[in-house]
């Protein structure tokens, strides 16, 4: 299991129990105990990166999809999105990952869709062209960090040690994946 942390701090995201606009009692976590019919509205932001970060924090989970085929990936993604997942990562190990991503972006434009296990700039470029709103790597790939600075796409490098987290932050990462 991985944990997402704000790279500028030594703690995980603060997770308020209330969703903006949600009228249920603050003592209940909406996704754990609330049975109301509150409908989540997509977050709009002046910055795609800020909107992506806000939705990751709000949803508290990034579902990771690995599949043996593009068709299997599309079916699994549709099921996850129908079940309420709002942030979905499709790994590079999935065949036809960019075609799957492009199809999902066309069908679900408000969903935060990204690509994981991105190891080089060419894959980052292809993922962005397919519509990825975030990229994830198992380590900090400086070439990808430099490339995404020119885009409105969030890059989430992986780290295992405090030194790796600090290095990612110093290189410009906004958030890291703790492995």
N, C-alpha and C. Protein backbone atom coordinates (compact mmCIF):
# COMPACT_ATOMS: atom_id res chain seq x y z
N UNK A 1 0.85 -1.17 0.00
CA UNK A 1 0.00 0.00 0.00
C UNK A 1 0.89 1.23 0.00
N UNK A 2 0.50 2.22 -0.74
CA UNK A 2 1.24 3.47 -0.83
C UNK A 2 0.47 4.57 -0.13
N UNK A 3 1.17 5.61 0.25
CA UNK A 3 0.56 6.77 0.88
C UNK A 3 0.95 8.00 0.09
N UNK A 4 0.01 8.90 -0.11
CA UNK A 4 0.31 10.15 -0.80
C UNK A 4 0.58 11.21 0.25
N UNK A 5 1.66 11.95 0.08
CA UNK A 5 1.96 13.01 1.03
C UNK A 5 2.26 14.30 0.29
N UNK A 6 1.96 15.39 0.94
CA UNK A 6 2.31 16.71 0.45
C UNK A 6 3.82 16.83 0.58
N UNK A 7 4.50 17.05 -0.54
CA UNK A 7 5.96 17.07 -0.51
C UNK A 7 6.53 18.24 0.27
N UNK A 8 5.74 19.24 0.56
CA UNK A 8 6.25 20.39 1.29
C UNK A 8 6.10 20.23 2.79
N UNK A 9 5.62 19.10 3.24
CA UNK A 9 5.42 18.89 4.67
C UNK A 9 5.78 17.46 5.03
N UNK A 10 5.87 17.21 6.32
CA UNK A 10 6.24 15.87 6.76
C UNK A 10 5.03 15.09 7.26
N UNK A 11 3.86 15.41 6.76
CA UNK A 11 2.65 14.73 7.19
C UNK A 11 1.76 14.49 5.99
N UNK A 12 0.82 13.56 6.13
CA UNK A 12 -0.10 13.29 5.03
C UNK A 12 -1.12 14.41 4.95
N UNK A 13 -1.86 14.43 3.84
CA UNK A 13 -2.88 15.44 3.65
C UNK A 13 -3.81 15.50 4.85
N UNK A 14 -4.18 16.69 5.26
CA UNK A 14 -5.26 16.84 6.24
C UNK A 14 -6.54 16.42 5.53
N UNK A 15 -7.34 15.63 6.18
CA UNK A 15 -8.53 15.11 5.54
C UNK A 15 -9.77 15.51 6.32
N UNK A 16 -10.39 16.61 5.97
CA UNK A 16 -11.59 17.03 6.69
C UNK A 16 -12.71 16.02 6.49
N UNK A 17 -13.53 15.86 7.52
CA UNK A 17 -14.64 14.92 7.44
C UNK A 17 -15.80 15.46 6.62
N UNK A 18 -15.80 16.74 6.34
CA UNK A 18 -16.92 17.30 5.61
C UNK A 18 -16.52 17.64 4.20
N UNK A 19 -17.43 17.49 3.30
CA UNK A 19 -17.25 17.89 1.93
C UNK A 19 -17.94 19.22 1.76
N UNK A 20 -17.29 20.15 1.07
CA UNK A 20 -17.86 21.47 0.88
C UNK A 20 -19.27 21.35 0.30
N UNK A 21 -20.23 21.98 0.96
CA UNK A 21 -21.61 21.94 0.50
C UNK A 21 -22.41 20.78 1.04
N UNK A 22 -21.78 19.89 1.76
CA UNK A 22 -22.44 18.72 2.31
C UNK A 22 -23.09 19.09 3.64
N UNK A 23 -24.35 18.76 3.81
CA UNK A 23 -25.12 19.22 4.97
C UNK A 23 -25.18 18.23 6.13
N UNK A 24 -24.60 17.05 5.99
CA UNK A 24 -24.66 16.06 7.06
C UNK A 24 -23.81 16.48 8.25
N UNK A 25 -24.03 15.84 9.34
CA UNK A 25 -23.31 16.13 10.58
C UNK A 25 -21.80 15.98 10.38
N UNK A 26 -21.00 16.91 10.91
CA UNK A 26 -19.55 16.82 10.74
C UNK A 26 -18.94 15.62 11.44
N UNK A 27 -19.69 14.95 12.32
CA UNK A 27 -19.10 13.80 13.00
C UNK A 27 -19.06 12.56 12.11
N UNK A 28 -19.74 12.61 10.97
CA UNK A 28 -19.73 11.47 10.06
C UNK A 28 -18.83 11.75 8.87
N UNK A 29 -18.04 10.77 8.52
CA UNK A 29 -17.27 10.85 7.28
C UNK A 29 -18.22 10.49 6.15
N UNK A 30 -18.33 11.34 5.16
CA UNK A 30 -19.30 11.15 4.09
C UNK A 30 -19.20 9.76 3.45
N UNK A 31 -18.00 9.31 3.18
CA UNK A 31 -17.85 8.07 2.44
C UNK A 31 -17.91 6.83 3.33
N UNK A 32 -17.83 6.99 4.65
CA UNK A 32 -17.85 5.84 5.53
C UNK A 32 -19.21 5.58 6.16
N UNK A 33 -19.89 6.63 6.63
CA UNK A 33 -21.11 6.41 7.41
C UNK A 33 -22.33 7.15 6.89
N UNK A 34 -22.15 8.13 6.06
CA UNK A 34 -23.27 8.95 5.63
C UNK A 34 -24.10 8.22 4.57
N UNK A 35 -25.40 8.29 4.69
CA UNK A 35 -26.27 7.65 3.71
C UNK A 35 -27.09 8.68 2.94
N UNK A 36 -26.66 9.93 2.96
CA UNK A 36 -27.42 10.96 2.25
C UNK A 36 -27.23 10.80 0.75
N UNK A 37 -27.90 11.62 -0.01
CA UNK A 37 -27.81 11.54 -1.46
C UNK A 37 -26.99 12.69 -2.01
N UNK A 38 -26.02 13.16 -1.23
CA UNK A 38 -25.17 14.26 -1.67
C UNK A 38 -24.49 13.89 -2.98
N UNK A 39 -24.58 14.76 -3.96
CA UNK A 39 -23.95 14.52 -5.24
C UNK A 39 -22.70 15.38 -5.36
N UNK A 40 -21.59 14.72 -5.62
CA UNK A 40 -20.32 15.43 -5.75
C UNK A 40 -20.31 16.23 -7.04
N UNK A 41 -19.88 17.47 -6.94
CA UNK A 41 -19.74 18.32 -8.11
C UNK A 41 -18.26 18.40 -8.45
N UNK A 42 -17.92 18.41 -9.74
CA UNK A 42 -16.51 18.48 -10.09
C UNK A 42 -15.89 19.78 -9.61
N UNK A 43 -14.65 19.70 -9.21
CA UNK A 43 -13.93 20.87 -8.73
C UNK A 43 -13.42 21.66 -9.93
N UNK A 44 -13.70 22.92 -9.95
CA UNK A 44 -13.20 23.81 -11.01
C UNK A 44 -12.07 24.64 -10.42
N UNK A 45 -11.03 24.81 -11.16
CA UNK A 45 -9.90 25.57 -10.67
C UNK A 45 -9.29 26.35 -11.82
N UNK A 46 -8.62 27.43 -11.48
CA UNK A 46 -7.91 28.20 -12.50
C UNK A 46 -6.74 27.39 -13.03
N UNK A 47 -6.23 26.48 -12.25
CA UNK A 47 -5.09 25.67 -12.64
C UNK A 47 -5.50 24.20 -12.64
N UNK A 48 -5.18 23.51 -13.73
CA UNK A 48 -5.47 22.08 -13.78
C UNK A 48 -4.73 21.34 -12.69
N UNK A 49 -3.51 21.75 -12.39
CA UNK A 49 -2.74 21.09 -11.34
C UNK A 49 -3.41 21.29 -9.99
N UNK A 50 -3.84 22.50 -9.70
CA UNK A 50 -4.52 22.76 -8.42
C UNK A 50 -5.82 21.97 -8.32
N UNK A 51 -6.56 21.90 -9.41
CA UNK A 51 -7.80 21.12 -9.42
C UNK A 51 -7.55 19.64 -9.22
N UNK A 52 -6.50 19.13 -9.85
CA UNK A 52 -6.14 17.72 -9.68
C UNK A 52 -5.74 17.44 -8.24
N UNK A 53 -4.90 18.30 -7.67
CA UNK A 53 -4.50 18.14 -6.27
C UNK A 53 -5.71 18.19 -5.34
N UNK A 54 -6.61 19.12 -5.58
CA UNK A 54 -7.79 19.26 -4.73
C UNK A 54 -8.67 18.02 -4.80
N UNK A 55 -8.83 17.46 -6.00
CA UNK A 55 -9.67 16.26 -6.13
C UNK A 55 -9.00 15.04 -5.50
N UNK A 56 -7.69 14.93 -5.59
CA UNK A 56 -6.98 13.83 -4.93
C UNK A 56 -7.17 13.94 -3.42
N UNK A 57 -7.03 15.14 -2.89
CA UNK A 57 -7.22 15.33 -1.45
C UNK A 57 -8.66 15.05 -1.05
N UNK A 58 -9.61 15.50 -1.84
CA UNK A 58 -11.01 15.30 -1.53
C UNK A 58 -11.40 13.82 -1.58
N UNK A 59 -10.93 13.13 -2.60
CA UNK A 59 -11.35 11.73 -2.78
C UNK A 59 -10.62 10.78 -1.84
N UNK A 60 -9.42 11.16 -1.41
CA UNK A 60 -8.60 10.37 -0.49
C UNK A 60 -8.08 9.06 -1.07
N UNK A 61 -8.29 8.83 -2.34
CA UNK A 61 -7.81 7.58 -2.94
C UNK A 61 -7.52 7.79 -4.42
N UNK A 62 -6.45 7.15 -4.87
CA UNK A 62 -6.18 7.05 -6.30
C UNK A 62 -6.27 5.56 -6.62
N UNK A 63 -7.28 5.17 -7.37
CA UNK A 63 -7.42 3.77 -7.75
C UNK A 63 -6.38 3.46 -8.82
N UNK A 64 -5.67 2.35 -8.66
CA UNK A 64 -4.62 1.95 -9.59
C UNK A 64 -5.11 0.77 -10.41
N UNK A 65 -5.13 0.91 -11.71
CA UNK A 65 -5.64 -0.11 -12.61
C UNK A 65 -4.51 -0.75 -13.40
N UNK A 66 -4.39 -2.06 -13.28
CA UNK A 66 -3.47 -2.86 -14.10
C UNK A 66 -4.34 -3.90 -14.80
N UNK A 67 -4.12 -4.08 -16.08
CA UNK A 67 -4.94 -5.04 -16.83
C UNK A 67 -4.07 -5.80 -17.83
N UNK A 68 -4.58 -6.94 -18.27
CA UNK A 68 -3.87 -7.78 -19.23
C UNK A 68 -4.14 -7.37 -20.68
N UNK A 69 -5.18 -6.56 -20.89
CA UNK A 69 -5.51 -6.11 -22.24
C UNK A 69 -6.19 -4.75 -22.16
N UNK A 70 -6.22 -4.06 -23.29
CA UNK A 70 -6.89 -2.78 -23.35
C UNK A 70 -8.39 -2.92 -23.10
N UNK A 71 -8.98 -3.98 -23.62
CA UNK A 71 -10.42 -4.22 -23.43
C UNK A 71 -10.73 -4.47 -21.95
N UNK A 72 -9.91 -5.27 -21.30
CA UNK A 72 -10.09 -5.53 -19.87
C UNK A 72 -9.93 -4.24 -19.06
N UNK A 73 -8.96 -3.43 -19.45
CA UNK A 73 -8.72 -2.15 -18.76
C UNK A 73 -9.93 -1.23 -18.89
N UNK A 74 -10.49 -1.16 -20.08
CA UNK A 74 -11.65 -0.29 -20.31
C UNK A 74 -12.84 -0.75 -19.47
N UNK A 75 -13.09 -2.06 -19.42
CA UNK A 75 -14.21 -2.58 -18.62
C UNK A 75 -13.98 -2.32 -17.13
N UNK A 76 -12.77 -2.57 -16.66
CA UNK A 76 -12.47 -2.35 -15.24
C UNK A 76 -12.58 -0.87 -14.88
N UNK A 77 -12.09 -0.01 -15.76
CA UNK A 77 -12.15 1.43 -15.51
C UNK A 77 -13.61 1.90 -15.47
N UNK A 78 -14.42 1.43 -16.40
CA UNK A 78 -15.84 1.80 -16.41
C UNK A 78 -16.51 1.37 -15.11
N UNK A 79 -16.19 0.17 -14.64
CA UNK A 79 -16.77 -0.32 -13.39
C UNK A 79 -16.33 0.54 -12.21
N UNK A 80 -15.04 0.88 -12.16
CA UNK A 80 -14.52 1.71 -11.06
C UNK A 80 -15.18 3.09 -11.07
N UNK A 81 -15.28 3.69 -12.23
CA UNK A 81 -15.87 5.02 -12.34
C UNK A 81 -17.36 4.98 -12.02
N UNK A 82 -18.04 3.94 -12.44
CA UNK A 82 -19.47 3.78 -12.10
C UNK A 82 -19.66 3.59 -10.60
N UNK A 83 -18.66 3.01 -9.95
CA UNK A 83 -18.72 2.78 -8.51
C UNK A 83 -18.34 3.98 -7.67
N UNK A 84 -18.01 5.10 -8.30
CA UNK A 84 -17.73 6.32 -7.55
C UNK A 84 -16.28 6.75 -7.48
N UNK A 85 -15.38 6.01 -8.10
CA UNK A 85 -13.98 6.43 -8.13
C UNK A 85 -13.87 7.70 -8.97
N UNK A 86 -13.18 8.71 -8.44
CA UNK A 86 -13.05 9.97 -9.19
C UNK A 86 -11.62 10.25 -9.63
N UNK A 87 -10.66 9.46 -9.13
CA UNK A 87 -9.26 9.60 -9.53
C UNK A 87 -8.75 8.21 -9.87
N UNK A 88 -8.33 8.02 -11.12
CA UNK A 88 -7.93 6.70 -11.59
C UNK A 88 -6.59 6.76 -12.30
N UNK A 89 -5.69 5.88 -11.88
CA UNK A 89 -4.37 5.73 -12.51
C UNK A 89 -4.38 4.44 -13.32
N UNK A 90 -3.94 4.51 -14.56
CA UNK A 90 -3.78 3.32 -15.40
C UNK A 90 -2.28 3.15 -15.60
N UNK A 91 -1.76 1.97 -15.27
CA UNK A 91 -0.31 1.77 -15.33
C UNK A 91 0.17 1.56 -16.76
N UNK A 92 1.43 1.90 -16.98
CA UNK A 92 2.07 1.71 -18.28
C UNK A 92 2.16 0.23 -18.66
N UNK A 93 2.03 -0.66 -17.70
CA UNK A 93 2.09 -2.10 -18.00
C UNK A 93 0.82 -2.59 -18.70
N UNK A 94 -0.20 -1.77 -18.74
CA UNK A 94 -1.45 -2.12 -19.42
C UNK A 94 -1.28 -1.96 -20.93
N UNK A 95 -1.54 -3.01 -21.71
CA UNK A 95 -1.43 -2.86 -23.17
C UNK A 95 -2.36 -1.76 -23.68
N UNK A 96 -1.91 -1.03 -24.67
CA UNK A 96 -2.69 0.06 -25.28
C UNK A 96 -3.12 1.11 -24.28
N UNK A 97 -2.26 1.40 -23.31
CA UNK A 97 -2.60 2.31 -22.22
C UNK A 97 -3.04 3.68 -22.73
N UNK A 98 -2.39 4.20 -23.76
CA UNK A 98 -2.72 5.54 -24.24
C UNK A 98 -4.08 5.56 -24.95
N UNK A 99 -4.40 4.50 -25.69
CA UNK A 99 -5.70 4.41 -26.34
C UNK A 99 -6.82 4.28 -25.30
N UNK A 100 -6.57 3.46 -24.28
CA UNK A 100 -7.55 3.31 -23.20
C UNK A 100 -7.77 4.65 -22.51
N UNK A 101 -6.68 5.34 -22.18
CA UNK A 101 -6.79 6.64 -21.52
C UNK A 101 -7.56 7.62 -22.38
N UNK A 102 -7.23 7.69 -23.66
CA UNK A 102 -7.90 8.63 -24.56
C UNK A 102 -9.41 8.34 -24.60
N UNK A 103 -9.78 7.07 -24.70
CA UNK A 103 -11.20 6.70 -24.71
C UNK A 103 -11.91 7.10 -23.43
N UNK A 104 -11.25 6.87 -22.29
CA UNK A 104 -11.86 7.23 -21.00
C UNK A 104 -11.99 8.74 -20.85
N UNK A 105 -10.99 9.48 -21.32
CA UNK A 105 -11.05 10.95 -21.24
C UNK A 105 -12.22 11.46 -22.07
N UNK A 106 -12.46 10.86 -23.24
CA UNK A 106 -13.58 11.27 -24.08
C UNK A 106 -14.92 10.99 -23.40
N UNK A 107 -15.01 9.84 -22.71
CA UNK A 107 -16.27 9.44 -22.08
C UNK A 107 -16.48 10.09 -20.71
N UNK A 108 -15.40 10.43 -20.02
CA UNK A 108 -15.48 10.97 -18.65
C UNK A 108 -14.56 12.19 -18.52
N UNK A 109 -14.88 13.29 -19.18
CA UNK A 109 -13.97 14.44 -19.19
C UNK A 109 -13.75 15.09 -17.82
N UNK A 110 -14.66 14.92 -16.88
CA UNK A 110 -14.52 15.55 -15.56
C UNK A 110 -13.75 14.68 -14.57
N UNK A 111 -13.46 13.44 -14.93
CA UNK A 111 -12.74 12.53 -14.04
C UNK A 111 -11.25 12.81 -14.12
N UNK A 112 -10.57 12.65 -12.99
CA UNK A 112 -9.12 12.83 -12.94
C UNK A 112 -8.47 11.51 -13.34
N UNK A 113 -7.97 11.44 -14.57
CA UNK A 113 -7.36 10.23 -15.10
C UNK A 113 -5.87 10.46 -15.31
N UNK A 114 -5.07 9.47 -14.94
CA UNK A 114 -3.64 9.61 -15.08
C UNK A 114 -2.98 8.30 -15.46
N UNK A 115 -1.67 8.37 -15.65
CA UNK A 115 -0.88 7.21 -16.04
C UNK A 115 0.20 6.98 -14.99
N UNK A 116 0.37 5.72 -14.60
CA UNK A 116 1.38 5.35 -13.62
C UNK A 116 2.53 4.57 -14.23
N UNK A 117 3.61 4.47 -13.48
CA UNK A 117 4.84 3.80 -13.89
C UNK A 117 5.43 4.48 -15.13
N UNK A 118 5.34 5.79 -15.17
CA UNK A 118 5.93 6.57 -16.26
C UNK A 118 7.41 6.74 -15.95
N UNK A 119 8.27 6.24 -16.85
CA UNK A 119 9.71 6.21 -16.57
C UNK A 119 10.54 7.10 -17.47
N UNK A 120 9.94 7.66 -18.53
CA UNK A 120 10.73 8.50 -19.43
C UNK A 120 9.85 9.61 -20.02
N UNK A 121 10.52 10.58 -20.62
CA UNK A 121 9.83 11.76 -21.15
C UNK A 121 8.91 11.40 -22.31
N UNK A 122 9.31 10.45 -23.15
CA UNK A 122 8.46 10.07 -24.29
C UNK A 122 7.12 9.51 -23.81
N UNK A 123 7.14 8.65 -22.81
CA UNK A 123 5.88 8.14 -22.26
C UNK A 123 5.08 9.25 -21.59
N UNK A 124 5.76 10.18 -20.93
CA UNK A 124 5.07 11.33 -20.32
C UNK A 124 4.37 12.15 -21.40
N UNK A 125 5.07 12.41 -22.48
CA UNK A 125 4.50 13.19 -23.59
C UNK A 125 3.28 12.48 -24.18
N UNK A 126 3.40 11.17 -24.42
CA UNK A 126 2.28 10.41 -24.97
C UNK A 126 1.08 10.39 -24.03
N UNK A 127 1.34 10.28 -22.73
CA UNK A 127 0.26 10.28 -21.74
C UNK A 127 -0.46 11.62 -21.72
N UNK A 128 0.31 12.70 -21.76
CA UNK A 128 -0.28 14.04 -21.76
C UNK A 128 -1.11 14.25 -23.02
N UNK A 129 -0.59 13.82 -24.17
CA UNK A 129 -1.34 13.95 -25.42
C UNK A 129 -2.63 13.13 -25.40
N UNK A 130 -2.63 12.01 -24.67
CA UNK A 130 -3.83 11.17 -24.56
C UNK A 130 -4.84 11.75 -23.57
N UNK A 131 -4.43 12.76 -22.78
CA UNK A 131 -5.36 13.42 -21.88
C UNK A 131 -5.11 13.22 -20.40
N UNK A 132 -3.96 12.68 -20.02
CA UNK A 132 -3.66 12.46 -18.60
C UNK A 132 -3.63 13.78 -17.85
N UNK A 133 -4.22 13.78 -16.65
CA UNK A 133 -4.18 14.95 -15.78
C UNK A 133 -3.09 14.81 -14.72
N UNK A 134 -2.54 13.60 -14.58
CA UNK A 134 -1.40 13.40 -13.70
C UNK A 134 -0.57 12.23 -14.21
N UNK A 135 0.70 12.25 -13.83
CA UNK A 135 1.64 11.18 -14.14
C UNK A 135 2.26 10.72 -12.84
N UNK A 136 2.50 9.41 -12.73
CA UNK A 136 3.10 8.85 -11.52
C UNK A 136 4.30 8.00 -11.92
N UNK A 137 5.34 8.05 -11.09
CA UNK A 137 6.54 7.24 -11.30
C UNK A 137 6.95 6.60 -9.99
N UNK A 138 7.68 5.47 -10.06
CA UNK A 138 8.16 4.85 -8.83
C UNK A 138 9.36 5.57 -8.22
N UNK A 139 9.88 6.55 -8.91
CA UNK A 139 11.03 7.34 -8.43
C UNK A 139 10.91 8.73 -9.04
N UNK A 140 11.79 9.63 -8.65
CA UNK A 140 11.79 10.97 -9.25
C UNK A 140 12.61 10.92 -10.53
N UNK A 141 11.96 11.17 -11.64
CA UNK A 141 12.63 11.22 -12.94
C UNK A 141 12.72 12.70 -13.31
N UNK A 142 13.92 13.26 -13.18
CA UNK A 142 14.08 14.71 -13.38
C UNK A 142 13.67 15.16 -14.77
N UNK A 143 13.89 14.34 -15.77
CA UNK A 143 13.48 14.70 -17.13
C UNK A 143 11.98 14.90 -17.22
N UNK A 144 11.21 14.05 -16.53
CA UNK A 144 9.75 14.20 -16.52
C UNK A 144 9.36 15.46 -15.75
N UNK A 145 10.00 15.69 -14.61
CA UNK A 145 9.71 16.91 -13.84
C UNK A 145 9.95 18.15 -14.69
N UNK A 146 11.06 18.18 -15.41
CA UNK A 146 11.36 19.33 -16.27
C UNK A 146 10.33 19.46 -17.39
N UNK A 147 9.92 18.34 -17.97
CA UNK A 147 8.97 18.36 -19.07
C UNK A 147 7.59 18.86 -18.62
N UNK A 148 7.11 18.38 -17.48
CA UNK A 148 5.75 18.76 -17.05
C UNK A 148 5.67 20.19 -16.55
N UNK A 149 6.79 20.80 -16.26
CA UNK A 149 6.76 22.21 -15.84
C UNK A 149 6.14 23.10 -16.91
N UNK A 150 6.20 22.66 -18.16
CA UNK A 150 5.65 23.43 -19.27
C UNK A 150 4.19 23.07 -19.55
N UNK A 151 3.61 22.22 -18.71
CA UNK A 151 2.23 21.79 -18.95
C UNK A 151 1.38 22.02 -17.71
N UNK A 152 0.13 21.70 -17.80
CA UNK A 152 -0.79 21.79 -16.66
C UNK A 152 -1.11 20.38 -16.16
N UNK A 153 -0.08 19.54 -16.08
CA UNK A 153 -0.23 18.16 -15.65
C UNK A 153 0.57 17.96 -14.37
N UNK A 154 -0.04 17.31 -13.40
CA UNK A 154 0.61 17.04 -12.12
C UNK A 154 1.53 15.83 -12.25
N UNK A 155 2.74 15.94 -11.73
CA UNK A 155 3.67 14.82 -11.70
C UNK A 155 3.83 14.36 -10.26
N UNK A 156 3.64 13.06 -10.02
CA UNK A 156 3.73 12.48 -8.68
C UNK A 156 4.85 11.45 -8.69
N UNK A 157 6.06 11.86 -8.28
CA UNK A 157 7.15 10.88 -8.21
C UNK A 157 7.02 10.02 -6.96
N UNK A 158 7.63 8.85 -7.01
CA UNK A 158 7.63 7.96 -5.85
C UNK A 158 8.88 8.16 -5.02
N UNK A 159 8.77 7.84 -3.73
CA UNK A 159 9.90 7.96 -2.82
C UNK A 159 9.73 6.95 -1.69
N UNK A 160 10.86 6.50 -1.13
CA UNK A 160 10.83 5.57 0.00
C UNK A 160 11.42 6.16 1.26
N UNK A 161 12.34 7.07 1.11
CA UNK A 161 13.05 7.59 2.28
C UNK A 161 12.80 9.09 2.43
N UNK A 162 13.04 9.62 3.62
CA UNK A 162 12.91 11.07 3.80
C UNK A 162 13.81 11.85 2.84
N UNK A 163 14.98 11.32 2.56
CA UNK A 163 15.90 12.00 1.63
C UNK A 163 15.29 12.05 0.24
N UNK A 164 14.68 10.96 -0.21
CA UNK A 164 14.05 10.95 -1.53
C UNK A 164 12.87 11.92 -1.59
N UNK A 165 12.10 11.99 -0.50
CA UNK A 165 10.98 12.95 -0.45
C UNK A 165 11.52 14.37 -0.55
N UNK A 166 12.55 14.68 0.23
CA UNK A 166 13.14 16.02 0.20
C UNK A 166 13.72 16.34 -1.17
N UNK A 167 14.42 15.39 -1.78
CA UNK A 167 14.98 15.62 -3.11
C UNK A 167 13.88 15.89 -4.14
N UNK A 168 12.78 15.13 -4.06
CA UNK A 168 11.66 15.36 -4.98
C UNK A 168 11.07 16.75 -4.78
N UNK A 169 10.90 17.14 -3.53
CA UNK A 169 10.38 18.47 -3.22
C UNK A 169 11.31 19.55 -3.74
N UNK A 170 12.61 19.40 -3.50
CA UNK A 170 13.58 20.40 -3.98
C UNK A 170 13.63 20.47 -5.49
N UNK A 171 13.31 19.36 -6.17
CA UNK A 171 13.28 19.35 -7.63
C UNK A 171 11.97 19.91 -8.19
N UNK A 172 11.00 20.20 -7.32
CA UNK A 172 9.77 20.83 -7.77
C UNK A 172 8.51 20.00 -7.65
N UNK A 173 8.58 18.81 -7.07
CA UNK A 173 7.38 17.98 -6.92
C UNK A 173 6.42 18.63 -5.93
N UNK A 174 5.14 18.61 -6.25
CA UNK A 174 4.11 19.16 -5.36
C UNK A 174 3.60 18.11 -4.38
N UNK A 175 3.68 16.85 -4.77
CA UNK A 175 3.18 15.74 -3.98
C UNK A 175 4.02 14.52 -4.36
N UNK A 176 4.21 13.60 -3.43
CA UNK A 176 4.96 12.38 -3.73
C UNK A 176 4.15 11.16 -3.30
N UNK A 177 4.48 10.04 -3.90
CA UNK A 177 3.89 8.76 -3.53
C UNK A 177 4.91 8.04 -2.66
N UNK A 178 4.53 7.72 -1.43
CA UNK A 178 5.42 7.01 -0.52
C UNK A 178 5.27 5.52 -0.80
N UNK A 179 6.37 4.89 -1.18
CA UNK A 179 6.35 3.46 -1.50
C UNK A 179 6.76 2.63 -0.30
